[in-house]
Amino acid sequence: MPGDVLQISRVDSRDRSSLPLGGVLLTWATSATGGMDVTAQLGLPSQEVLLGRWPGLHGEWSPIIHPTVYEAIGLCAALHVATDALNLANHLATL
């Protein structure tokens, strides 16, 4: 939601391992126009996928990327709960 804070950790790209399920990796670099080129990758069970790319952002860019990142994290959390519920139902069905 607007105003919510994203919890972040700084990661050195040389020491980075794969992203956990629902983890988001943000990278940014100065663009040719003087703004920031921001990229977000999302950790899924089998791979990391491109979540979004925002080229040439100027000023405070976190409000621009926040809705996309926040929704992706929420969807991954819902998928995790649904998977756990399905696994539990399958386990109970075998008893």
Protein backbone atom coordinates (compact mmCIF):
# COMPACT_ATOMS: atom_id res chain seq x y z
CA MET A 1 0.00 0.00 0.00
CA PRO A 2 1.20 3.56 -0.46
CA GLY A 3 3.41 4.50 2.44
CA ASP A 4 4.39 0.90 3.26
CA VAL A 5 8.08 0.29 3.65
CA LEU A 6 9.96 -2.33 1.66
CA GLN A 7 12.41 -4.32 3.75
CA ILE A 8 15.75 -4.39 1.98
CA SER A 9 19.17 -5.91 2.33
CA ARG A 10 22.29 -4.81 0.53
CA VAL A 11 23.91 -7.61 -1.44
CA ASP A 12 27.32 -7.56 -3.06
CA SER A 13 26.83 -8.89 -6.60
CA ARG A 14 29.99 -11.01 -6.28
CA ASP A 15 28.59 -12.84 -3.23
CA ARG A 16 24.96 -13.10 -4.33
CA SER A 17 23.33 -16.51 -4.35
CA SER A 18 19.97 -17.26 -5.96
CA LEU A 19 16.94 -15.34 -4.80
CA PRO A 20 14.53 -17.04 -2.39
CA LEU A 21 10.93 -17.62 -3.47
CA GLY A 22 9.27 -14.21 -3.61
CA GLY A 23 12.55 -12.36 -3.15
CA VAL A 24 13.08 -9.30 -5.30
CA LEU A 25 16.48 -8.09 -6.44
CA LEU A 26 16.66 -4.41 -7.40
CA THR A 27 19.61 -3.15 -9.36
CA TRP A 28 20.18 0.39 -10.51
CA ALA A 29 22.75 2.28 -12.50
CA THR A 30 23.10 5.81 -13.79
CA SER A 31 21.47 6.17 -17.20
CA ALA A 32 22.79 8.12 -20.16
CA THR A 33 20.17 10.82 -19.43
CA GLY A 34 21.44 11.30 -15.87
CA GLY A 35 18.58 9.43 -14.24
CA MET A 36 18.56 5.87 -12.97
CA ASP A 37 17.94 2.67 -14.89
CA VAL A 38 16.23 0.36 -12.39
CA THR A 39 15.64 -3.37 -12.89
CA ALA A 40 13.75 -5.80 -10.64
CA GLN A 41 14.14 -9.58 -10.73
CA LEU A 42 11.77 -11.97 -8.92
CA GLY A 43 12.84 -15.26 -7.36
CA LEU A 44 10.65 -18.20 -8.40
CA PRO A 45 11.15 -21.88 -7.51
CA SER A 46 12.87 -22.75 -10.78
CA GLN A 47 14.57 -19.50 -11.77
CA GLU A 48 14.80 -15.74 -11.46
CA VAL A 49 12.61 -13.76 -13.86
CA LEU A 50 12.51 -10.14 -14.95
CA LEU A 51 9.79 -8.42 -12.94
CA GLY A 52 10.21 -4.95 -14.38
CA ARG A 53 12.54 -2.44 -15.94
CA TRP A 54 12.27 1.30 -15.48
CA PRO A 55 14.77 3.23 -17.63
CA GLY A 56 15.81 6.83 -17.05
CA LEU A 57 14.00 7.50 -13.77
CA HIS A 58 14.72 10.94 -12.30
CA GLY A 59 14.35 12.03 -8.69
CA GLU A 60 12.85 9.72 -6.05
CA TRP A 61 12.14 6.56 -8.02
CA SER A 62 10.97 4.23 -5.22
CA PRO A 63 7.27 5.32 -5.41
CA ILE A 64 7.29 4.41 -9.10
CA ILE A 65 8.53 0.84 -8.62
CA HIS A 66 6.84 0.18 -5.26
CA PRO A 67 3.40 -0.95 -6.60
CA THR A 68 4.91 -3.56 -8.92
CA VAL A 69 7.30 -4.93 -6.30
CA TYR A 70 4.64 -4.91 -3.56
CA GLU A 71 2.09 -6.78 -5.71
CA ALA A 72 4.66 -9.40 -6.78
CA ILE A 73 5.66 -10.07 -3.18
CA GLY A 74 1.98 -10.42 -2.21
CA LEU A 75 1.27 -12.82 -5.06
CA CYS A 76 4.26 -14.98 -4.10
CA ALA A 77 3.09 -15.07 -0.48
CA ALA A 78 -0.40 -16.16 -1.60
CA LEU A 79 1.12 -18.84 -3.83
CA HIS A 80 3.18 -20.11 -0.90
CA VAL A 81 0.09 -20.36 1.36
CA ALA A 82 -1.92 -22.10 -1.38
CA THR A 83 0.90 -24.60 -1.97
CA ASP A 84 1.15 -25.37 1.75
CA ALA A 85 -2.64 -25.84 1.95
CA LEU A 86 -2.60 -28.21 -1.03
CA ASN A 87 0.28 -30.21 0.44
CA LEU A 88 -1.58 -30.49 3.77
CA ALA A 89 -4.79 -31.58 2.04
CA ASN A 90 -2.89 -34.22 0.08
CA HIS A 91 -1.24 -35.46 3.28
CA LEU A 92 -4.55 -35.65 5.15
CA ALA A 93 -6.15 -37.52 2.24
CA THR A 94 -3.59 -40.33 2.64
CA LEU A 95 -4.35 -40.88 6.35
